[in-house]
Amino acid sequence: MLTLLGFGMVSCFMYLIMTKRLSALLALIIVPIVFAMIGGFAADMGPMMLDGIKKLAPTGVMLMFAILYFGVMIDAGLFDPVVHAILRAVKGDPLRVLVGTALLTLCVGLDGDGSTTYMIAISAFLPLYRRLGLSVLMLACIVMLAVGVMNLTPWGGPLARAASALHVDPSDVFVPMIPAIIFGAIAVVLLAVLFGLRERARVGVLDLKNTDHNVDVIDDHANIRRPKLLWVNAALTVALMVTLVMGLLPLPVLFMIGFAIALMINYPDAKMQRERIGAYADSILAVVSLIFAAGIFTGILSGTGMVEAMAKSFLDVLPPEMGPYLGVITALASLPFTFFMSNDAFYFGILPVIAKVAAEYGFTAAEMARASLVGQPVHLLSPLVASTYLLLGLVKVEFGEHQRFTLIWATLVCLVIMAGAILTGAFPLYRG
């Protein structure tokens, strides 16, 4: 009974959000409540939901203050010198332009917000691509793959969802994944080199003057830029990253402290502080509300015993010889799963069941969370990802054309991330 109820709940949730009958936020709240009542758990729903929300509260706080922190850094102009330096260095060499595109996107993508990164990278480089006659398909491909790699930070959506769904500390998922993320970043840069060599052979090298493209394109908000505080902001960000990796304090506390210091230093005026916080409100509300709503879903899924029943059923049909490879199976499955369904459906609906089964073979929840992140570069090619429409609108490329060009390269980047994760111990190739 519990198995059927659990699979019915997950299937209903996935159907409603994939057919856009309900938003993910509403589905995460309404669907589990309805199925808990059907199963006769109405009297116990309150403590279950509250327990799920409490477990996800630190993740919600971390995401909120991470968005605030990186919003302040972008507004203050922390990344502006990098943009200007890369634009001036690439000149008319297609190889430099493509590599510069990758480096800039990887740098700006540290904020974990794909839409912001797309706007900065495309507005900086698109005029140059058009001036040189370079392929905008290559531009869209490199930028999207770089965002897919850098979106694996704790304040990016996928890792936060995976950690929330399995009730593990985001830092426990992220820190062992850092080498794999570096592998992915190197793969994107090498792909940019390959594209650059192709374009250099096709169009040659042009001698451009600085006036041939606008290097000041990102300075539309000069009134909130703080160029004199550049090194202070850079030092603060480096210190934040170092303490994050060292685990000196919990992630939510680190970002709360970092944001408070950053806002106080860059915008000491109380009125401007309120304005900057208000500017990020939409992004914060969209992400944090989803995390707390997920607490209801995971709380009921676990509290009713549905997830245990589903895992037992899956374990019964899984060939025993495949169990020790569940880490790799999950990593490979994340490519098609996150393409054909949303991150919410995969991480909150599918991953908990797989992780429960994997635990029978000795895999930890953190290992399974890391494995589930491998497919993110392919996920961004999904028609379910809103930010990809923004990217393609900026470069004026058809969705299907972009998918056909980018899919094989996105798959290769995913495989490199998986290889890096296995080689560095983020999750094992085989758990004997």
Protein backbone atom coordinates (compact mmCIF):
# COMPACT_ATOMS: atom_id res chain seq x y z
CA MET A 1 0.00 0.00 0.00
CA LEU A 2 2.71 2.48 0.99
CA THR A 3 4.70 1.63 -2.13
CA LEU A 4 1.76 2.36 -4.42
CA LEU A 5 0.96 5.51 -2.46
CA GLY A 6 4.57 6.71 -2.70
CA PHE A 7 4.96 6.05 -6.42
CA GLY A 8 1.54 7.58 -7.01
CA MET A 9 2.56 10.70 -5.12
CA VAL A 10 5.83 11.08 -7.01
CA SER A 11 4.17 10.37 -10.37
CA CYS A 12 1.38 12.86 -9.66
CA PHE A 13 3.91 15.50 -8.60
CA MET A 14 6.01 14.96 -11.73
CA TYR A 15 2.96 14.98 -14.01
CA LEU A 16 1.58 18.22 -12.59
CA ILE A 17 4.81 20.17 -12.87
CA MET A 18 5.90 18.72 -16.24
CA THR A 19 2.52 19.48 -17.82
CA LYS A 20 2.53 22.89 -16.09
CA ARG A 21 -0.80 22.21 -14.39
CA LEU A 22 0.77 23.48 -11.17
CA SER A 23 3.93 25.33 -10.35
CA ALA A 24 6.63 23.35 -8.52
CA LEU A 25 6.00 25.44 -5.40
CA LEU A 26 2.30 24.57 -5.21
CA ALA A 27 2.82 20.94 -6.20
CA LEU A 28 5.41 20.43 -3.46
CA ILE A 29 2.84 21.60 -0.90
CA ILE A 30 -0.49 20.28 -2.17
CA VAL A 31 0.38 16.85 -3.60
CA PRO A 32 1.96 15.33 -0.46
CA ILE A 33 -0.85 16.64 1.74
CA VAL A 34 -3.49 15.04 -0.49
CA PHE A 35 -1.69 11.70 -0.62
CA ALA A 36 -1.01 11.72 3.12
CA MET A 37 -4.74 12.19 3.72
CA ILE A 38 -5.55 9.38 1.27
CA GLY A 39 -3.16 7.12 3.19
CA GLY A 40 -4.80 7.90 6.51
CA PHE A 41 -1.99 10.07 7.91
CA ALA A 42 -4.05 13.25 8.35
CA ALA A 43 -3.59 13.32 12.14
CA ASP A 44 0.20 13.06 11.90
CA MET A 45 0.81 15.40 8.96
CA GLY A 46 1.63 18.48 11.03
CA PRO A 47 4.70 17.06 12.85
CA MET A 48 5.91 15.39 9.63
CA MET A 49 5.76 18.63 7.64
CA LEU A 50 7.32 20.67 10.42
CA ASP A 51 10.13 18.16 10.77
CA GLY A 52 10.85 18.38 7.02
CA ILE A 53 10.84 22.18 7.09
CA LYS A 54 13.20 22.26 10.08
CA LYS A 55 15.68 20.00 8.29
CA LEU A 56 15.72 22.28 5.24
CA ALA A 57 15.79 25.58 7.13
CA PRO A 58 19.64 25.87 7.10
CA THR A 59 19.71 25.32 3.34
CA GLY A 60 17.05 27.97 2.80
CA VAL A 61 18.97 30.47 4.93
CA MET A 62 22.23 29.68 3.11
CA LEU A 63 20.64 30.21 -0.31
CA MET A 64 19.04 33.49 0.70
CA PHE A 65 22.23 35.05 1.99
CA ALA A 66 24.37 33.59 -0.82
CA ILE A 67 22.11 35.30 -3.37
CA LEU A 68 22.34 38.52 -1.39
CA TYR A 69 26.13 38.29 -1.10
CA PHE A 70 26.84 37.68 -4.76
CA GLY A 71 24.24 40.25 -5.75
CA VAL A 72 26.17 42.86 -3.77
CA MET A 73 29.47 41.74 -5.36
CA ILE A 74 28.08 42.03 -8.88
CA ASP A 75 26.49 45.40 -8.17
CA ALA A 76 29.68 46.70 -6.61
CA GLY A 77 31.61 45.68 -9.74
CA LEU A 78 33.82 42.88 -8.41
CA PHE A 79 33.80 41.12 -11.80
CA ASP A 80 34.08 44.25 -13.98
CA PRO A 81 37.91 44.30 -14.22
CA VAL A 82 37.91 40.66 -15.30
CA VAL A 83 35.42 41.42 -18.05
CA HIS A 84 37.37 44.45 -19.27
CA ALA A 85 40.73 42.67 -19.13
CA ILE A 86 39.46 39.69 -21.11
CA LEU A 87 37.77 41.87 -23.71
CA ARG A 88 40.94 43.91 -24.21
CA ALA A 89 43.16 40.82 -24.35
CA VAL A 90 41.23 38.82 -26.92
CA LYS A 91 41.56 41.45 -29.70
CA GLY A 92 40.80 39.93 -33.10
CA ASP A 93 42.00 36.38 -32.53
CA PRO A 94 39.08 33.87 -32.57
CA LEU A 95 41.04 31.49 -30.33
CA ARG A 96 41.46 34.18 -27.69
CA VAL A 97 37.84 35.23 -28.05
CA LEU A 98 36.50 31.71 -27.44
CA VAL A 99 38.84 31.03 -24.52
CA GLY A 100 38.04 34.47 -23.11
CA THR A 101 34.34 33.64 -23.33
CA ALA A 102 34.87 30.47 -21.30
CA LEU A 103 37.04 32.16 -18.67
CA LEU A 104 34.71 35.11 -18.21
CA THR A 105 31.61 32.92 -17.89
CA LEU A 106 33.31 30.58 -15.43
CA CYS A 107 34.31 33.57 -13.33
CA VAL A 108 30.98 35.39 -13.38
CA GLY A 109 29.12 32.07 -13.03
CA LEU A 110 30.46 31.79 -9.51
CA ASP A 111 27.31 33.59 -8.36
CA GLY A 112 25.25 30.51 -9.29
CA ASP A 113 22.64 32.56 -11.17
CA GLY A 114 22.43 31.48 -14.80
CA SER A 115 20.31 34.41 -15.97
CA THR A 116 22.69 37.04 -14.58
CA THR A 117 25.71 35.24 -16.00
CA TYR A 118 24.10 34.95 -19.44
CA MET A 119 23.33 38.66 -19.53
CA ILE A 120 26.85 39.69 -18.52
CA ALA A 121 28.71 37.25 -20.78
CA ILE A 122 26.54 37.72 -23.86
CA SER A 123 26.35 41.50 -23.60
CA ALA A 124 30.15 41.60 -23.29
CA PHE A 125 31.01 39.24 -26.13
CA LEU A 126 28.16 39.20 -28.66
CA PRO A 127 29.23 42.46 -30.41
CA LEU A 128 32.74 41.02 -30.78
CA TYR A 129 31.46 37.74 -32.25
CA ARG A 130 29.38 39.66 -34.77
CA ARG A 131 32.27 41.95 -35.68
CA LEU A 132 34.59 38.98 -36.30
CA GLY A 133 31.93 36.83 -37.96
CA LEU A 134 32.27 34.05 -35.38
CA SER A 135 29.65 31.37 -34.76
CA VAL A 136 27.05 32.45 -32.21
CA LEU A 137 26.20 28.76 -31.76
CA MET A 138 29.68 28.30 -30.30
CA LEU A 139 29.13 31.34 -28.09
CA ALA A 140 25.84 29.93 -26.74
CA CYS A 141 27.39 26.48 -26.28
CA ILE A 142 30.45 27.67 -24.32
CA VAL A 143 28.48 30.06 -22.13
CA MET A 144 25.79 27.48 -21.31
CA LEU A 145 28.30 24.72 -20.49
CA ALA A 146 30.31 27.06 -18.26
CA VAL A 147 27.12 27.96 -16.38
CA GLY A 148 26.27 24.25 -16.09
CA VAL A 149 29.61 23.59 -14.41
CA MET A 150 29.56 26.60 -12.10
CA ASN A 151 25.95 25.92 -11.11
CA LEU A 152 27.25 23.08 -8.94
CA THR A 153 28.06 25.44 -6.07
CA PRO A 154 26.04 25.15 -2.82
CA TRP A 155 24.14 28.33 -3.65
CA GLY A 156 23.25 26.99 -7.10
CA GLY A 157 19.89 25.32 -7.46
CA PRO A 158 20.83 21.68 -8.23
CA LEU A 159 23.15 21.07 -5.28
CA ALA A 160 20.76 22.79 -2.91
CA ARG A 161 17.93 20.58 -4.13
CA ALA A 162 19.99 17.39 -3.88
CA ALA A 163 21.17 18.25 -0.37
CA SER A 164 17.64 19.20 0.67
CA ALA A 165 16.07 16.05 -0.74
CA LEU A 166 18.55 13.79 1.07
CA HIS A 167 18.83 15.92 4.23
CA VAL A 168 22.60 16.35 4.06
CA ASP A 169 24.73 19.42 4.70
CA PRO A 170 25.40 21.23 1.38
CA SER A 171 29.08 21.62 2.32
CA ASP A 172 29.37 17.83 2.68
CA VAL A 173 28.21 17.53 -0.93
CA PHE A 174 30.15 20.48 -2.33
CA VAL A 175 33.67 20.26 -0.91
CA PRO A 176 34.45 16.74 -2.26
CA MET A 177 32.96 17.85 -5.61
CA ILE A 178 35.37 20.78 -6.03
CA PRO A 179 37.98 18.73 -7.97
CA ALA A 180 35.25 17.40 -10.28
CA ILE A 181 34.00 20.95 -10.86
CA ILE A 182 37.57 21.95 -11.76
CA PHE A 183 37.71 19.01 -14.19
CA GLY A 184 34.50 20.30 -15.78
CA ALA A 185 35.82 23.87 -15.99
CA ILE A 186 39.02 22.64 -17.69
CA ALA A 187 36.88 20.64 -20.14
CA VAL A 188 34.93 23.79 -21.06
CA VAL A 189 38.16 25.76 -21.61
CA LEU A 190 39.61 22.96 -23.78
CA LEU A 191 36.39 22.89 -25.79
CA ALA A 192 36.74 26.66 -26.25
CA VAL A 193 40.30 26.07 -27.54
CA LEU A 194 38.97 23.53 -30.05
CA PHE A 195 36.24 25.91 -31.22
CA GLY A 196 38.73 28.78 -31.36
CA LEU A 197 41.13 26.86 -33.56
CA ARG A 198 38.26 25.97 -35.90
CA GLU A 199 37.14 29.58 -36.14
CA ARG A 200 40.69 30.85 -36.56
CA ALA A 201 41.11 28.50 -39.53
CA ARG A 202 37.77 29.66 -40.96
CA VAL A 203 37.90 33.46 -40.55
CA GLY A 204 41.55 34.16 -39.72
CA VAL A 205 42.81 36.81 -37.28
CA LEU A 206 41.61 40.39 -37.63
CA ASP A 207 43.35 43.51 -36.35
CA LEU A 208 40.75 45.26 -34.22
CA LYS A 209 40.95 48.59 -32.48
CA ASN A 210 39.45 49.14 -29.06
CA THR A 211 36.67 51.14 -30.69
CA ASP A 212 35.52 48.09 -32.63
CA HIS A 213 33.65 46.78 -29.63
CA ASN A 214 32.28 48.26 -26.48
CA VAL A 215 34.31 47.28 -23.43
CA ASP A 216 32.14 49.40 -21.17
CA VAL A 217 28.98 47.47 -21.85
CA ILE A 218 28.52 46.29 -18.26
CA ASP A 219 28.71 49.74 -16.69
CA ASP A 220 25.01 50.56 -17.06
CA HIS A 221 24.73 50.91 -13.27
CA ALA A 222 27.71 53.11 -12.54
CA ASN A 223 25.92 54.71 -9.59
CA ILE A 224 26.11 51.47 -7.60
CA ARG A 225 29.61 50.45 -8.70
CA ARG A 226 32.36 50.63 -6.06
CA PRO A 227 35.66 50.46 -8.01
CA LYS A 228 37.68 51.84 -5.07
CA LEU A 229 36.60 48.86 -2.97
CA LEU A 230 37.57 46.27 -5.58
CA TRP A 231 40.44 44.72 -3.59
CA VAL A 232 38.44 44.81 -0.38
CA ASN A 233 35.59 42.92 -2.06
CA ALA A 234 37.99 40.48 -3.68
CA ALA A 235 39.72 39.78 -0.35
CA LEU A 236 36.35 39.30 1.35
CA THR A 237 35.21 36.84 -1.33
CA VAL A 238 38.46 34.86 -1.18
CA ALA A 239 38.23 34.72 2.62
CA LEU A 240 34.63 33.52 2.35
CA MET A 241 35.58 30.75 -0.10
CA VAL A 242 38.53 29.63 2.04
CA THR A 243 36.47 29.44 5.23
CA LEU A 244 33.74 27.64 3.28
CA VAL A 245 36.15 24.93 2.10
CA MET A 246 37.77 24.67 5.54
CA GLY A 247 34.37 24.34 7.19
CA LEU A 248 35.20 26.78 9.98
CA LEU A 249 31.55 27.75 10.33
CA PRO A 250 28.26 26.41 8.90
CA LEU A 251 27.49 27.70 5.40
CA PRO A 252 24.40 29.69 6.39
CA VAL A 253 26.38 31.53 9.07
CA LEU A 254 29.29 32.21 6.70
CA PHE A 255 27.06 33.81 4.09
CA MET A 256 25.11 35.79 6.68
CA ILE A 257 28.35 37.27 8.01
CA GLY A 258 29.78 37.79 4.52
CA PHE A 259 26.67 39.56 3.30
CA ALA A 260 26.47 41.81 6.34
CA ILE A 261 30.09 42.88 5.93
CA ALA A 262 29.77 43.34 2.15
CA LEU A 263 26.63 45.45 2.38
CA MET A 264 27.99 47.57 5.21
CA ILE A 265 31.26 48.25 3.37
CA ASN A 266 29.84 48.94 -0.09
CA TYR A 267 26.57 50.64 0.79
CA PRO A 268 26.78 52.22 4.24
CA ASP A 269 23.69 54.37 3.60
CA ALA A 270 20.58 52.74 5.08
CA LYS A 271 18.35 53.81 2.18
CA MET A 272 20.67 52.25 -0.40
CA GLN A 273 20.93 49.09 1.70
CA ARG A 274 17.17 48.70 1.54
CA GLU A 275 17.22 49.31 -2.21
CA ARG A 276 19.90 46.67 -2.84
CA ILE A 277 18.10 44.08 -0.71
CA GLY A 278 14.86 44.87 -2.53
CA ALA A 279 16.60 44.39 -5.88
CA TYR A 280 17.30 40.75 -5.06
CA ALA A 281 13.88 40.00 -3.54
CA ASP A 282 12.45 38.24 -6.60
CA SER A 283 15.37 35.83 -6.88
CA ILE A 284 15.36 35.10 -3.16
CA LEU A 285 11.62 34.48 -2.96
CA ALA A 286 11.63 32.12 -5.96
CA VAL A 287 14.44 29.95 -4.59
CA VAL A 288 13.88 29.98 -0.83
CA SER A 289 10.13 29.42 -0.99
CA LEU A 290 10.79 26.33 -3.12
CA ILE A 291 13.22 24.93 -0.54
CA PHE A 292 10.76 25.34 2.34
CA ALA A 293 7.92 23.86 0.28
CA ALA A 294 10.19 20.89 -0.42
CA GLY A 295 10.33 20.37 3.34
CA ILE A 296 6.65 19.44 3.29
CA PHE A 297 7.17 17.00 0.41
CA THR A 298 10.23 15.25 1.86
CA GLY A 299 8.80 15.37 5.39
CA ILE A 300 5.66 13.47 4.38
CA LEU A 301 7.54 11.14 2.02
CA SER A 302 9.85 10.10 4.87
CA GLY A 303 7.48 10.41 7.82
CA THR A 304 4.81 8.14 6.34
CA GLY A 305 7.37 5.48 5.43
CA MET A 306 6.66 5.82 1.71
CA VAL A 307 10.28 6.28 0.72
CA GLU A 308 11.34 3.14 2.61
CA ALA A 309 8.59 1.11 0.96
CA MET A 310 9.47 2.44 -2.50
CA ALA A 311 13.15 1.71 -1.96
CA LYS A 312 12.38 -1.85 -0.84
CA SER A 313 10.31 -2.45 -3.97
CA PHE A 314 13.08 -1.05 -6.17
CA LEU A 315 15.63 -3.17 -4.33
CA ASP A 316 13.58 -6.28 -4.98
CA VAL A 317 13.68 -5.79 -8.78
CA LEU A 318 17.25 -4.43 -9.04
CA PRO A 319 19.71 -7.12 -10.15
CA PRO A 320 22.08 -7.61 -7.19
CA GLU A 321 25.13 -7.36 -9.43
CA MET A 322 24.11 -3.78 -10.40
CA GLY A 323 23.83 -2.49 -6.82
CA PRO A 324 27.54 -1.78 -6.26
CA TYR A 325 27.50 0.45 -9.36
CA LEU A 326 24.60 2.65 -8.24
CA GLY A 327 26.84 5.71 -7.98
CA VAL A 328 27.79 5.54 -11.65
CA ILE A 329 24.27 4.47 -12.65
CA THR A 330 22.83 7.51 -10.87
CA ALA A 331 25.39 9.82 -12.49
CA LEU A 332 24.62 8.52 -15.98
CA ALA A 333 20.87 8.47 -15.33
CA SER A 334 20.98 12.13 -14.28
CA LEU A 335 21.65 13.12 -17.91
CA PRO A 336 18.35 11.94 -19.41
CA PHE A 337 16.35 12.32 -16.20
CA THR A 338 17.18 16.00 -15.72
CA PHE A 339 16.67 16.62 -19.44
CA PHE A 340 13.20 15.13 -19.66
CA MET A 341 12.02 16.31 -16.26
CA SER A 342 12.67 19.33 -14.10
CA ASN A 343 15.28 19.40 -11.36
CA ASP A 344 12.46 19.49 -8.84
CA ALA A 345 10.95 16.26 -10.16
CA PHE A 346 14.30 14.46 -10.27
CA TYR A 347 15.79 15.61 -6.97
CA PHE A 348 12.66 15.55 -4.84
CA GLY A 349 10.87 12.66 -6.56
CA ILE A 350 13.47 10.20 -7.90
CA LEU A 351 16.71 10.78 -5.99
CA PRO A 352 15.42 9.93 -2.47
CA VAL A 353 14.24 6.53 -3.70
CA ILE A 354 17.55 5.76 -5.45
CA ALA A 355 19.52 6.94 -2.42
CA LYS A 356 17.50 4.71 -0.09
CA VAL A 357 18.30 1.71 -2.29
CA ALA A 358 21.96 2.73 -2.60
CA ALA A 359 22.23 2.85 1.18
CA GLU A 360 21.66 -0.92 1.19
CA TYR A 361 24.89 -1.25 -0.77
CA GLY A 362 26.89 1.08 1.46
CA PHE A 363 26.55 4.39 -0.43
CA THR A 364 26.14 7.47 1.73
CA ALA A 365 23.48 10.09 1.04
CA ALA A 366 26.20 12.68 0.29
CA GLU A 367 27.80 10.38 -2.31
CA MET A 368 24.48 9.89 -4.08
CA ALA A 369 23.82 13.63 -4.01
CA ARG A 370 27.18 14.22 -5.72
CA ALA A 371 26.50 11.56 -8.34
CA SER A 372 23.11 13.09 -9.13
CA LEU A 373 24.74 16.43 -10.05
CA VAL A 374 26.75 15.08 -12.98
CA GLY A 375 24.04 15.68 -15.59
CA GLN A 376 23.58 19.41 -15.05
CA PRO A 377 25.31 20.61 -18.26
CA VAL A 378 22.85 18.45 -20.24
CA HIS A 379 19.95 19.59 -18.04
CA LEU A 380 20.37 23.17 -19.28
CA LEU A 381 19.48 21.96 -22.79
CA SER A 382 16.04 20.92 -21.56
CA PRO A 383 13.05 22.94 -22.79
CA LEU A 384 11.98 23.03 -19.14
CA VAL A 385 14.82 25.44 -18.21
CA ALA A 386 13.62 29.03 -18.41
CA SER A 387 17.07 30.67 -18.35
CA THR A 388 18.07 28.85 -21.56
CA TYR A 389 15.35 30.75 -23.40
CA LEU A 390 16.95 33.97 -22.16
CA LEU A 391 20.35 32.85 -23.49
CA LEU A 392 18.97 31.93 -26.91
CA GLY A 393 16.94 35.12 -27.07
CA LEU A 394 20.09 37.15 -26.47
CA VAL A 395 22.07 35.42 -29.22
CA LYS A 396 19.01 34.93 -31.50
CA VAL A 397 19.45 31.19 -32.05
CA GLU A 398 16.68 28.59 -32.48
CA PHE A 399 16.26 26.16 -29.57
CA GLY A 400 16.45 23.04 -31.74
CA GLU A 401 19.56 24.27 -33.53
CA HIS A 402 21.24 24.95 -30.20
CA GLN A 403 20.29 21.49 -28.89
CA ARG A 404 21.64 19.70 -31.95
CA PHE A 405 24.93 21.58 -31.80
CA THR A 406 25.50 21.47 -28.05
CA LEU A 407 24.19 18.07 -26.91
CA ILE A 408 27.29 16.02 -27.73
CA TRP A 409 29.61 18.58 -26.11
CA ALA A 410 27.40 18.84 -23.02
CA THR A 411 27.45 15.04 -22.71
CA LEU A 412 31.25 15.00 -22.94
CA VAL A 413 31.54 17.65 -20.22
CA CYS A 414 29.22 15.57 -18.01
CA LEU A 415 31.41 12.50 -18.54
CA VAL A 416 34.52 14.51 -17.64
CA ILE A 417 32.83 15.70 -14.43
CA MET A 418 31.88 12.11 -13.62
CA ALA A 419 35.43 10.88 -14.29
CA GLY A 420 36.82 13.66 -12.09
CA ALA A 421 34.37 12.82 -9.31
CA ILE A 422 35.29 9.12 -9.40
CA LEU A 423 39.04 9.74 -9.60
CA THR A 424 38.98 12.14 -6.65
CA GLY A 425 36.64 10.05 -4.50
CA ALA A 426 33.47 12.15 -4.62
CA PHE A 427 31.65 8.87 -5.19
CA PRO A 428 33.05 5.40 -5.95
CA LEU A 429 33.04 3.55 -9.27
CA TYR A 430 32.24 0.36 -7.36
CA ARG A 431 31.15 -0.11 -3.77
CA GLY A 432 32.02 -3.68 -2.81
